[in-house]
């Protein structure tokens, strides 16, 4: 997937454990673990907003785009 979640890096910078983040944003530890490992295909903006509020960061601090790995079956609307 071309978008990579770097939640683990931001957690380390903030010296916070996944368990604490999960409790503060209202997710299970399993859900946070899946976000960290990249096993999710999407994230609600509400969840992203809560993570950013707790970690005091911007969405760009958590997400990175890896160009050149775009799936061939993407519909660009054209």
Protein backbone atom coordinates (compact mmCIF):
# COMPACT_ATOMS: atom_id res chain seq x y z
CA UNK A 1 0.00 0.00 0.00
CA UNK A 2 1.43 3.40 -0.93
CA UNK A 3 0.38 5.12 2.34
CA UNK A 4 2.34 3.97 5.38
CA UNK A 5 1.20 4.60 8.96
CA UNK A 6 4.12 5.61 11.18
CA UNK A 7 2.24 5.56 14.47
CA UNK A 8 4.96 3.53 16.17
CA UNK A 9 7.52 6.27 15.49
CA UNK A 10 5.31 9.00 16.96
CA UNK A 11 4.51 6.86 20.00
CA UNK A 12 8.24 6.40 20.61
CA UNK A 13 8.86 10.15 20.25
CA UNK A 14 6.14 10.87 22.79
CA UNK A 15 7.31 8.03 25.05
CA UNK A 16 3.80 6.59 25.08
CA UNK A 17 2.72 2.96 24.98
CA UNK A 18 0.05 1.64 22.63
CA UNK A 19 -2.10 0.69 25.61
CA UNK A 20 -2.20 4.27 26.90
CA UNK A 21 -3.02 5.65 23.44
CA UNK A 22 -5.80 3.10 23.01
CA UNK A 23 -7.36 4.08 26.33
CA UNK A 24 -7.13 7.81 25.59
CA UNK A 25 -8.67 7.62 22.09
CA UNK A 26 -11.29 4.97 22.79
CA UNK A 27 -9.90 2.10 20.71
CA UNK A 28 -8.87 -1.38 21.75
CA UNK A 29 -5.20 -2.30 22.02
CA UNK A 30 -5.81 -4.70 19.11
CA UNK A 31 -7.05 -1.85 16.89
CA UNK A 32 -4.03 0.31 17.73
CA UNK A 33 -1.75 -2.66 17.05
CA UNK A 34 -3.34 -3.12 13.63
CA UNK A 35 -2.84 0.56 12.84
CA UNK A 36 0.81 0.35 13.86
CA UNK A 37 1.45 -2.76 11.78
CA UNK A 38 -0.24 -1.40 8.65
CA UNK A 39 -2.85 -4.16 8.59
CA UNK A 40 -5.72 -1.72 8.10
CA UNK A 41 -6.82 -0.41 4.73
CA UNK A 42 -8.35 2.79 6.05
CA UNK A 43 -8.82 5.03 9.03
CA UNK A 44 -11.68 7.33 9.94
CA UNK A 45 -10.82 11.03 10.09
CA UNK A 46 -12.34 11.09 13.57
CA UNK A 47 -9.83 8.44 14.71
CA UNK A 48 -6.96 10.29 13.05
CA UNK A 49 -8.07 13.53 14.75
CA UNK A 50 -8.16 11.88 18.18
CA UNK A 51 -4.71 10.35 17.68
CA UNK A 52 -3.31 13.73 16.60
CA UNK A 53 -4.89 15.46 19.60
CA UNK A 54 -3.42 12.98 22.09
CA UNK A 55 0.02 12.83 20.46
CA UNK A 56 0.03 16.58 19.71
CA UNK A 57 1.00 16.07 16.10
CA UNK A 58 -0.23 16.62 12.55
CA UNK A 59 -1.65 13.88 10.27
CA UNK A 60 1.50 14.21 8.16
CA UNK A 61 3.55 13.11 11.17
CA UNK A 62 1.66 9.81 11.17
CA UNK A 63 1.23 9.11 7.46
CA UNK A 64 3.85 8.79 4.73
CA UNK A 65 3.27 8.29 1.01
CA UNK A 66 5.54 5.84 -0.80
CA UNK A 67 5.34 6.79 -4.45
CA UNK A 68 5.61 4.28 -7.25
CA UNK A 69 3.64 1.57 -5.47
CA UNK A 70 0.19 2.59 -6.69
CA UNK A 71 -2.10 -0.36 -7.52
CA UNK A 72 -2.84 -0.75 -11.23
CA UNK A 73 -6.61 -0.95 -10.72
CA UNK A 74 -7.09 2.51 -9.18
CA UNK A 75 -9.97 4.47 -10.70
CA UNK A 76 -8.85 8.09 -10.98
CA UNK A 77 -12.24 9.24 -12.20
CA UNK A 78 -11.07 9.90 -15.72
